[in-house]
């Protein structure tokens, strides 16, 4: 039974994966906060993911690290993102190399290529150049690039999952295209832990009828076979409902007030 360290283990995805991994792996959990409920057999450590010393103690002897810890607010300022999303991901990769972990599964985000989704570009592929739609997305591109470096230089196996809109059910028009169900997300992480690839970036969604992503080859390389489809919920989604600022049309720069965030004024 392999030993896996999950950072950000008390969060939504962390909690989902902890339940999915229980009994299949020895699970070590690391977070700044305690979970609502602990599962039998879990090992917990608490600390900032950017604290290399506490992270090294948590990672000692693990086979793989599933790195989830991050500030996921697309509107977060740089000074808030730097600790968890820049220094933290650096600490995770360096810790994996130092402690002899075999692989890292990095939870990236569809925000790393969200400019394509905003423009409804068809055929989006994970091999396309990144096109982040926000500062958060930029930090995910950084995490992917740093993983490439450690794969090439240190021989670490790194799998980056650009996770689509993870929710129990889709809530808006974008989600009908990029939704990933809880069950499919578990399937993706299980595949990432067993793929054995040196390095890969994969767009992760369910098998959505309205998807504009091209994922067949990527899913096959990962060994991921999604089963759910957002179309089941389409009748309950308002196609003209509110849309996150990241996925509205870009504002006219000439019409953006000095000092204003274009994400806030985009319509």
C-alpha atoms as a PDB file:
ATOM      1  CA  UNK A   1       0.000   0.000   0.000  1.00  0.00           C
ATOM      2  CA  UNK A   2       1.557   3.298  -1.082  1.00  0.00           C
ATOM      3  CA  UNK A   3       1.835   6.331   1.169  1.00  0.00           C
ATOM      4  CA  UNK A   4       0.443   9.618  -0.136  1.00  0.00           C
ATOM      5  CA  UNK A   5       0.787  13.115   1.298  1.00  0.00           C
ATOM      6  CA  UNK A   6      -2.177  15.386   0.524  1.00  0.00           C
ATOM      7  CA  UNK A   7      -1.619  19.118   1.033  1.00  0.00           C
ATOM      8  CA  UNK A   8      -4.697  21.270   1.539  1.00  0.00           C
ATOM      9  CA  UNK A   9      -6.357  18.110   2.814  1.00  0.00           C
ATOM     10  CA  UNK A  10      -9.094  19.895   4.752  1.00  0.00           C
ATOM     11  CA  UNK A  11     -10.483  21.624   1.659  1.00  0.00           C
ATOM     12  CA  UNK A  12     -13.287  20.514  -0.671  1.00  0.00           C
ATOM     13  CA  UNK A  13     -11.153  18.461  -3.032  1.00  0.00           C
ATOM     14  CA  UNK A  14      -8.916  17.272  -0.221  1.00  0.00           C
ATOM     15  CA  UNK A  15     -11.893  15.960   1.711  1.00  0.00           C
ATOM     16  CA  UNK A  16     -13.231  14.214  -1.400  1.00  0.00           C
ATOM     17  CA  UNK A  17      -9.884  12.524  -2.050  1.00  0.00           C
ATOM     18  CA  UNK A  18      -9.343  11.523   1.556  1.00  0.00           C
ATOM     19  CA  UNK A  19     -12.555   9.508   1.467  1.00  0.00           C
ATOM     20  CA  UNK A  20     -11.648   8.030  -1.928  1.00  0.00           C
ATOM     21  CA  UNK A  21      -8.117   7.061  -0.861  1.00  0.00           C
ATOM     22  CA  UNK A  22      -9.083   5.593   2.516  1.00  0.00           C
ATOM     23  CA  UNK A  23      -8.250   1.893   2.604  1.00  0.00           C
ATOM     24  CA  UNK A  24      -6.399   2.090  -0.738  1.00  0.00           C
ATOM     25  CA  UNK A  25      -3.426   4.146   0.450  1.00  0.00           C
ATOM     26  CA  UNK A  26      -1.813   5.270   3.662  1.00  0.00           C
ATOM     27  CA  UNK A  27      -2.883   8.924   3.689  1.00  0.00           C
ATOM     28  CA  UNK A  28      -0.941  11.703   5.351  1.00  0.00           C
ATOM     29  CA  UNK A  29      -2.760  15.011   5.485  1.00  0.00           C
ATOM     30  CA  UNK A  30      -1.258  18.488   5.746  1.00  0.00           C
ATOM     31  CA  UNK A  31      -3.152  21.759   6.119  1.00  0.00           C
ATOM     32  CA  UNK A  32      -3.212  24.981   8.087  1.00  0.00           C
ATOM     33  CA  UNK A  33      -6.574  24.056   9.625  1.00  0.00           C
ATOM     34  CA  UNK A  34      -8.055  20.953  11.203  1.00  0.00           C
ATOM     35  CA  UNK A  35     -10.651  18.968   9.214  1.00  0.00           C
ATOM     36  CA  UNK A  36     -14.294  18.882  10.204  1.00  0.00           C
ATOM     37  CA  UNK A  37     -13.954  15.117  10.683  1.00  0.00           C
ATOM     38  CA  UNK A  38     -10.938  12.825  10.682  1.00  0.00           C
ATOM     39  CA  UNK A  39     -11.092   9.462   8.957  1.00  0.00           C
ATOM     40  CA  UNK A  40      -9.802   6.297  10.569  1.00  0.00           C
ATOM     41  CA  UNK A  41      -6.119   5.709   9.886  1.00  0.00           C
ATOM     42  CA  UNK A  42      -5.326   9.236   8.704  1.00  0.00           C
ATOM     43  CA  UNK A  43      -2.141  10.952   9.819  1.00  0.00           C
ATOM     44  CA  UNK A  44      -2.371  14.727  10.206  1.00  0.00           C
ATOM     45  CA  UNK A  45       0.219  17.480  10.387  1.00  0.00           C
ATOM     46  CA  UNK A  46      -0.528  21.199  10.492  1.00  0.00           C
ATOM     47  CA  UNK A  47       1.472  24.033   8.992  1.00  0.00           C
ATOM     48  CA  UNK A  48       1.956  26.479   6.153  1.00  0.00           C
ATOM     49  CA  UNK A  49       2.689  24.668   2.890  1.00  0.00           C
ATOM     50  CA  UNK A  50       5.474  27.192   2.242  1.00  0.00           C
ATOM     51  CA  UNK A  51       7.220  26.143   5.475  1.00  0.00           C
ATOM     52  CA  UNK A  52       9.803  23.723   4.096  1.00  0.00           C
ATOM     53  CA  UNK A  53      10.692  22.259   7.496  1.00  0.00           C
ATOM     54  CA  UNK A  54       7.157  21.261   8.490  1.00  0.00           C
ATOM     55  CA  UNK A  55       6.467  20.040   4.968  1.00  0.00           C
ATOM     56  CA  UNK A  56       9.609  17.888   4.943  1.00  0.00           C
ATOM     57  CA  UNK A  57       8.561  16.209   8.176  1.00  0.00           C
ATOM     58  CA  UNK A  58       5.123  15.463   6.713  1.00  0.00           C
ATOM     59  CA  UNK A  59       6.601  14.130   3.452  1.00  0.00           C
ATOM     60  CA  UNK A  60       9.298  11.896   4.920  1.00  0.00           C
ATOM     61  CA  UNK A  61       8.971   8.435   3.389  1.00  0.00           C
ATOM     62  CA  UNK A  62       5.947   9.156   1.162  1.00  0.00           C
ATOM     63  CA  UNK A  63       5.674   7.738  -2.345  1.00  0.00           C
ATOM     64  CA  UNK A  64       3.639  10.583  -3.856  1.00  0.00           C
ATOM     65  CA  UNK A  65       2.472  14.097  -3.016  1.00  0.00           C
ATOM     66  CA  UNK A  66      -0.956  15.334  -4.116  1.00  0.00           C
ATOM     67  CA  UNK A  67      -0.587  19.114  -3.955  1.00  0.00           C
ATOM     68  CA  UNK A  68      -3.910  20.881  -3.508  1.00  0.00           C
ATOM     69  CA  UNK A  69      -3.065  23.708  -1.095  1.00  0.00           C
ATOM     70  CA  UNK A  70      -3.570  27.133  -2.716  1.00  0.00           C
ATOM     71  CA  UNK A  71      -5.443  30.398  -2.564  1.00  0.00           C
ATOM     72  CA  UNK A  72      -8.014  29.751  -5.304  1.00  0.00           C
ATOM     73  CA  UNK A  73      -9.588  33.218  -5.444  1.00  0.00           C
ATOM     74  CA  UNK A  74      -9.221  34.539  -9.032  1.00  0.00           C
ATOM     75  CA  UNK A  75      -9.421  38.095  -7.671  1.00  0.00           C
ATOM     76  CA  UNK A  76      -6.782  37.623  -4.948  1.00  0.00           C
ATOM     77  CA  UNK A  77      -3.964  40.215  -5.017  1.00  0.00           C
ATOM     78  CA  UNK A  78      -0.378  39.187  -5.665  1.00  0.00           C
ATOM     79  CA  UNK A  79       0.732  39.593  -2.065  1.00  0.00           C
ATOM     80  CA  UNK A  80      -1.889  37.067  -0.944  1.00  0.00           C
ATOM     81  CA  UNK A  81      -1.131  34.598  -3.739  1.00  0.00           C
ATOM     82  CA  UNK A  82       2.628  34.575  -3.315  1.00  0.00           C
ATOM     83  CA  UNK A  83       2.809  32.503  -0.128  1.00  0.00           C
ATOM     84  CA  UNK A  84       0.592  29.527  -0.924  1.00  0.00           C
ATOM     85  CA  UNK A  85       0.691  29.606  -4.740  1.00  0.00           C
ATOM     86  CA  UNK A  86       4.323  30.498  -5.468  1.00  0.00           C
ATOM     87  CA  UNK A  87       6.458  29.789  -2.397  1.00  0.00           C
ATOM     88  CA  UNK A  88       4.219  26.860  -1.460  1.00  0.00           C
ATOM     89  CA  UNK A  89       4.456  25.053  -4.784  1.00  0.00           C
ATOM     90  CA  UNK A  90       8.218  25.592  -4.819  1.00  0.00           C
ATOM     91  CA  UNK A  91       8.445  24.053  -1.349  1.00  0.00           C
ATOM     92  CA  UNK A  92       6.374  21.039  -2.435  1.00  0.00           C
ATOM     93  CA  UNK A  93       8.531  20.208  -5.457  1.00  0.00           C
ATOM     94  CA  UNK A  94      11.799  20.738  -3.589  1.00  0.00           C
ATOM     95  CA  UNK A  95      10.532  18.660  -0.674  1.00  0.00           C
ATOM     96  CA  UNK A  96       9.521  15.845  -3.025  1.00  0.00           C
ATOM     97  CA  UNK A  97      13.029  15.760  -4.481  1.00  0.00           C
ATOM     98  CA  UNK A  98      14.741  16.013  -1.093  1.00  0.00           C
ATOM     99  CA  UNK A  99      12.673  13.292   0.583  1.00  0.00           C
ATOM    100  CA  UNK A 100      12.760  10.905  -2.377  1.00  0.00           C
ATOM    101  CA  UNK A 101       9.072  10.969  -3.319  1.00  0.00           C
ATOM    102  CA  UNK A 102       8.413   9.275  -6.650  1.00  0.00           C
ATOM    103  CA  UNK A 103       5.791  11.668  -8.000  1.00  0.00           C
ATOM    104  CA  UNK A 104       3.807  14.867  -7.543  1.00  0.00           C
ATOM    105  CA  UNK A 105       0.237  15.380  -8.727  1.00  0.00           C
ATOM    106  CA  UNK A 106      -0.242  19.131  -9.010  1.00  0.00           C
ATOM    107  CA  UNK A 107      -3.775  20.497  -8.837  1.00  0.00           C
ATOM    108  CA  UNK A 108      -3.688  23.125 -11.561  1.00  0.00           C
ATOM    109  CA  UNK A 109      -6.825  24.840 -12.827  1.00  0.00           C
ATOM    110  CA  UNK A 110      -8.807  25.640 -15.938  1.00  0.00           C
ATOM    111  CA  UNK A 111      -7.933  29.260 -15.101  1.00  0.00           C
ATOM    112  CA  UNK A 112      -4.468  28.501 -16.528  1.00  0.00           C
ATOM    113  CA  UNK A 113      -6.081  28.452 -19.979  1.00  0.00           C
ATOM    114  CA  UNK A 114      -9.252  30.357 -19.107  1.00  0.00           C
ATOM    115  CA  UNK A 115      -8.781  32.982 -21.811  1.00  0.00           C
ATOM    116  CA  UNK A 116      -9.769  30.339 -24.349  1.00  0.00           C
ATOM    117  CA  UNK A 117     -12.880  29.433 -22.341  1.00  0.00           C
ATOM    118  CA  UNK A 118     -13.840  33.091 -22.030  1.00  0.00           C
ATOM    119  CA  UNK A 119     -13.728  33.437 -25.819  1.00  0.00           C
ATOM    120  CA  UNK A 120     -15.446  30.055 -26.358  1.00  0.00           C
ATOM    121  CA  UNK A 121     -12.540  28.862 -28.465  1.00  0.00           C
ATOM    122  CA  UNK A 122     -13.239  25.387 -29.857  1.00  0.00           C
ATOM    123  CA  UNK A 123     -10.748  22.545 -29.718  1.00  0.00           C
ATOM    124  CA  UNK A 124      -8.797  23.736 -26.674  1.00  0.00           C
ATOM    125  CA  UNK A 125      -6.023  21.249 -25.971  1.00  0.00           C
ATOM    126  CA  UNK A 126      -3.728  20.983 -22.942  1.00  0.00           C
ATOM    127  CA  UNK A 127      -0.755  21.230 -25.324  1.00  0.00           C
ATOM    128  CA  UNK A 128      -1.757  24.772 -26.345  1.00  0.00           C
ATOM    129  CA  UNK A 129       0.260  27.641 -24.835  1.00  0.00           C
ATOM    130  CA  UNK A 130      -1.232  28.736 -21.492  1.00  0.00           C
ATOM    131  CA  UNK A 131      -3.664  31.638 -21.536  1.00  0.00           C
ATOM    132  CA  UNK A 132      -4.439  32.499 -17.901  1.00  0.00           C
ATOM    133  CA  UNK A 133      -7.551  34.552 -17.285  1.00  0.00           C
ATOM    134  CA  UNK A 134      -6.508  35.931 -13.876  1.00  0.00           C
ATOM    135  CA  UNK A 135      -3.618  36.204 -11.434  1.00  0.00           C
ATOM    136  CA  UNK A 136      -4.601  32.892  -9.844  1.00  0.00           C
ATOM    137  CA  UNK A 137      -4.336  31.269 -13.278  1.00  0.00           C
ATOM    138  CA  UNK A 138      -0.875  32.768 -13.712  1.00  0.00           C
ATOM    139  CA  UNK A 139       0.277  31.083 -10.495  1.00  0.00           C
ATOM    140  CA  UNK A 140      -1.011  27.750 -11.797  1.00  0.00           C
ATOM    141  CA  UNK A 141       1.006  28.192 -14.983  1.00  0.00           C
ATOM    142  CA  UNK A 142       4.021  28.826 -12.752  1.00  0.00           C
ATOM    143  CA  UNK A 143       3.348  25.576 -10.880  1.00  0.00           C
ATOM    144  CA  UNK A 144       3.137  23.640 -14.146  1.00  0.00           C
ATOM    145  CA  UNK A 145       6.392  25.163 -15.428  1.00  0.00           C
ATOM    146  CA  UNK A 146       8.218  24.491 -12.169  1.00  0.00           C
ATOM    147  CA  UNK A 147       7.011  20.897 -12.314  1.00  0.00           C
ATOM    148  CA  UNK A 148       8.455  20.592 -15.827  1.00  0.00           C
ATOM    149  CA  UNK A 149      11.790  21.829 -14.479  1.00  0.00           C
ATOM    150  CA  UNK A 150      11.905  19.270 -11.672  1.00  0.00           C
ATOM    151  CA  UNK A 151      10.817  16.487 -14.022  1.00  0.00           C
ATOM    152  CA  UNK A 152      13.665  17.314 -16.414  1.00  0.00           C
ATOM    153  CA  UNK A 153      16.366  18.102 -13.879  1.00  0.00           C
ATOM    154  CA  UNK A 154      15.523  15.796 -10.964  1.00  0.00           C
ATOM    155  CA  UNK A 155      13.651  12.931 -12.643  1.00  0.00           C
ATOM    156  CA  UNK A 156      10.491  13.604 -10.632  1.00  0.00           C
ATOM    157  CA  UNK A 157       7.256  12.316 -12.154  1.00  0.00           C
ATOM    158  CA  UNK A 158       4.887  15.315 -12.354  1.00  0.00           C
ATOM    159  CA  UNK A 159       1.268  15.254 -13.485  1.00  0.00           C
ATOM    160  CA  UNK A 160      -0.605  18.565 -13.650  1.00  0.00           C
ATOM    161  CA  UNK A 161      -4.401  18.437 -13.685  1.00  0.00           C
ATOM    162  CA  UNK A 162      -6.141  21.568 -14.974  1.00  0.00           C
ATOM    163  CA  UNK A 163      -9.314  20.945 -13.051  1.00  0.00           C
ATOM    164  CA  UNK A 164     -12.528  22.195 -14.635  1.00  0.00           C
ATOM    165  CA  UNK A 165     -15.504  23.522 -12.694  1.00  0.00           C
ATOM    166  CA  UNK A 166     -15.663  21.085  -9.779  1.00  0.00           C
ATOM    167  CA  UNK A 167     -19.102  20.994  -8.158  1.00  0.00           C
ATOM    168  CA  UNK A 168     -21.907  18.606  -7.310  1.00  0.00           C
ATOM    169  CA  UNK A 169     -23.745  19.926 -10.357  1.00  0.00           C
ATOM    170  CA  UNK A 170     -23.160  22.642 -12.977  1.00  0.00           C
ATOM    171  CA  UNK A 171     -24.439  26.100 -12.120  1.00  0.00           C
ATOM    172  CA  UNK A 172     -24.022  28.184 -15.283  1.00  0.00           C
ATOM    173  CA  UNK A 173     -23.357  28.128 -19.022  1.00  0.00           C
ATOM    174  CA  UNK A 174     -19.594  27.810 -18.612  1.00  0.00           C
ATOM    175  CA  UNK A 175     -20.009  24.927 -16.215  1.00  0.00           C
ATOM    176  CA  UNK A 176     -22.072  23.000 -18.761  1.00  0.00           C
ATOM    177  CA  UNK A 177     -18.900  22.987 -20.865  1.00  0.00           C
ATOM    178  CA  UNK A 178     -16.145  22.440 -18.282  1.00  0.00           C
ATOM    179  CA  UNK A 179     -17.873  20.779 -15.304  1.00  0.00           C
ATOM    180  CA  UNK A 180     -16.160  17.889 -13.548  1.00  0.00           C
ATOM    181  CA  UNK A 181     -18.216  15.757 -11.189  1.00  0.00           C
ATOM    182  CA  UNK A 182     -16.881  14.513  -7.848  1.00  0.00           C
ATOM    183  CA  UNK A 183     -16.765  10.929  -9.113  1.00  0.00           C
ATOM    184  CA  UNK A 184     -14.890  11.886 -12.267  1.00  0.00           C
ATOM    185  CA  UNK A 185     -12.442  14.034 -10.325  1.00  0.00           C
ATOM    186  CA  UNK A 186     -11.600  11.047  -8.127  1.00  0.00           C
ATOM    187  CA  UNK A 187     -11.057   8.982 -11.297  1.00  0.00           C
ATOM    188  CA  UNK A 188      -8.669  11.628 -12.614  1.00  0.00           C
ATOM    189  CA  UNK A 189      -6.565  11.720  -9.458  1.00  0.00           C
ATOM    190  CA  UNK A 190      -6.437   7.924  -9.263  1.00  0.00           C
ATOM    191  CA  UNK A 191      -5.212   7.846 -12.851  1.00  0.00           C
ATOM    192  CA  UNK A 192      -2.628  10.554 -12.145  1.00  0.00           C
ATOM    193  CA  UNK A 193      -1.186   8.542  -9.270  1.00  0.00           C
ATOM    194  CA  UNK A 194      -0.635   5.496 -11.463  1.00  0.00           C
ATOM    195  CA  UNK A 195       0.221   6.970 -14.866  1.00  0.00           C
ATOM    196  CA  UNK A 196       4.005   6.716 -14.528  1.00  0.00           C
ATOM    197  CA  UNK A 197       4.570   9.541 -17.044  1.00  0.00           C
ATOM    198  CA  UNK A 198       7.577  11.793 -16.557  1.00  0.00           C
ATOM    199  CA  UNK A 199       5.538  14.955 -17.123  1.00  0.00           C
ATOM    200  CA  UNK A 200       2.061  15.817 -18.332  1.00  0.00           C
ATOM    201  CA  UNK A 201      -0.572  18.564 -18.289  1.00  0.00           C
ATOM    202  CA  UNK A 202      -4.196  17.466 -18.644  1.00  0.00           C
ATOM    203  CA  UNK A 203      -7.505  19.323 -18.882  1.00  0.00           C
ATOM    204  CA  UNK A 204      -9.896  17.547 -16.537  1.00  0.00           C
ATOM    205  CA  UNK A 205     -13.634  17.632 -17.124  1.00  0.00           C
ATOM    206  CA  UNK A 206     -16.501  15.194 -17.220  1.00  0.00           C
ATOM    207  CA  UNK A 207     -17.737  13.807 -20.558  1.00  0.00           C
ATOM    208  CA  UNK A 208     -19.794  16.916 -21.229  1.00  0.00           C
ATOM    209  CA  UNK A 209     -21.917  17.077 -24.372  1.00  0.00           C
ATOM    210  CA  UNK A 210     -21.237  20.822 -24.717  1.00  0.00           C
ATOM    211  CA  UNK A 211     -17.497  20.675 -24.119  1.00  0.00           C
ATOM    212  CA  UNK A 212     -15.267  22.737 -26.416  1.00  0.00           C
ATOM    213  CA  UNK A 213     -12.130  21.050 -25.074  1.00  0.00           C
ATOM    214  CA  UNK A 214     -10.286  18.397 -27.032  1.00  0.00           C
ATOM    215  CA  UNK A 215      -9.324  15.852 -24.379  1.00  0.00           C
ATOM    216  CA  UNK A 216      -9.517  12.373 -25.958  1.00  0.00           C
ATOM    217  CA  UNK A 217      -5.768  11.953 -26.506  1.00  0.00           C
ATOM    218  CA  UNK A 218      -4.889  13.543 -23.180  1.00  0.00           C
ATOM    219  CA  UNK A 219      -7.376  11.363 -21.288  1.00  0.00           C
ATOM    220  CA  UNK A 220      -5.988   8.273 -22.978  1.00  0.00           C
ATOM    221  CA  UNK A 221      -2.415   9.199 -22.035  1.00  0.00           C
ATOM    222  CA  UNK A 222      -3.484   9.782 -18.447  1.00  0.00           C
ATOM    223  CA  UNK A 223      -5.636   6.649 -18.299  1.00  0.00           C
ATOM    224  CA  UNK A 224      -8.691   8.723 -17.372  1.00  0.00           C
ATOM    225  CA  UNK A 225     -12.179   7.774 -18.558  1.00  0.00           C
ATOM    226  CA  UNK A 226     -14.851  10.271 -17.391  1.00  0.00           C
ATOM    227  CA  UNK A 227     -18.398   8.975 -17.157  1.00  0.00           C
ATOM    228  CA  UNK A 228     -20.643  11.872 -16.158  1.00  0.00           C
ATOM    229  CA  UNK A 229     -22.187  14.598 -18.333  1.00  0.00           C
ATOM    230  CA  UNK A 230     -23.326  18.087 -17.325  1.00  0.00           C
ATOM    231  CA  UNK A 231     -26.129  17.808 -19.876  1.00  0.00           C
ATOM    232  CA  UNK A 232     -28.167  15.876 -17.310  1.00  0.00           C
ATOM    233  CA  UNK A 233     -28.567  19.189 -15.442  1.00  0.00           C
ATOM    234  CA  UNK A 234     -28.890  21.515 -18.440  1.00  0.00           C
ATOM    235  CA  UNK A 235     -32.611  22.168 -17.977  1.00  0.00           C
ATOM    236  CA  UNK A 236     -31.890  23.607 -14.521  1.00  0.00           C
ATOM    237  CA  UNK A 237     -29.192  26.038 -15.707  1.00  0.00           C
ATOM    238  CA  UNK A 238     -30.040  29.600 -16.749  1.00  0.00           C
ATOM    239  CA  UNK A 239     -27.993  30.167 -19.941  1.00  0.00           C
ATOM    240  CA  UNK A 240     -28.141  33.933 -19.342  1.00  0.00           C
ATOM    241  CA  UNK A 241     -27.307  33.747 -15.640  1.00  0.00           C
ATOM    242  CA  UNK A 242     -24.434  35.563 -13.911  1.00  0.00           C
ATOM    243  CA  UNK A 243     -20.974  34.801 -15.222  1.00  0.00           C
ATOM    244  CA  UNK A 244     -17.730  35.084 -13.268  1.00  0.00           C
ATOM    245  CA  UNK A 245     -15.685  38.154 -14.289  1.00  0.00           C
ATOM    246  CA  UNK A 246     -12.912  35.905 -15.617  1.00  0.00           C
ATOM    247  CA  UNK A 247     -15.252  34.571 -18.281  1.00  0.00           C
ATOM    248  CA  UNK A 248     -16.923  37.748 -19.474  1.00  0.00           C
ATOM    249  CA  UNK A 249     -15.692  39.461 -22.599  1.00  0.00           C
ATOM    250  CA  UNK A 250     -12.588  41.598 -21.924  1.00  0.00           C
ATOM    251  CA  UNK A 251     -13.157  45.233 -21.118  1.00  0.00           C
ATOM    252  CA  UNK A 252     -12.090  47.920 -23.550  1.00  0.00           C
ATOM    253  CA  UNK A 253      -8.775  49.157 -22.046  1.00  0.00           C
ATOM    254  CA  UNK A 254      -9.630  52.688 -23.127  1.00  0.00           C
ATOM    255  CA  UNK A 255     -12.783  52.516 -21.036  1.00  0.00           C
ATOM    256  CA  UNK A 256     -11.078  51.122 -17.928  1.00  0.00           C
ATOM    257  CA  UNK A 257     -10.668  53.778 -15.205  1.00  0.00           C
ATOM    258  CA  UNK A 258      -7.073  54.372 -14.106  1.00  0.00           C
ATOM    259  CA  UNK A 259      -6.139  51.896 -11.395  1.00  0.00           C
ATOM    260  CA  UNK A 260      -9.236  49.748 -11.860  1.00  0.00           C
ATOM    261  CA  UNK A 261      -9.069  45.990 -12.169  1.00  0.00           C
ATOM    262  CA  UNK A 262     -10.318  45.101 -15.701  1.00  0.00           C
ATOM    263  CA  UNK A 263     -11.886  41.947 -14.259  1.00  0.00           C
ATOM    264  CA  UNK A 264     -14.163  44.147 -12.188  1.00  0.00           C
ATOM    265  CA  UNK A 265     -15.366  46.294 -15.070  1.00  0.00           C
ATOM    266  CA  UNK A 266     -15.611  43.660 -17.792  1.00  0.00           C
ATOM    267  CA  UNK A 267     -19.099  43.101 -19.166  1.00  0.00           C
END
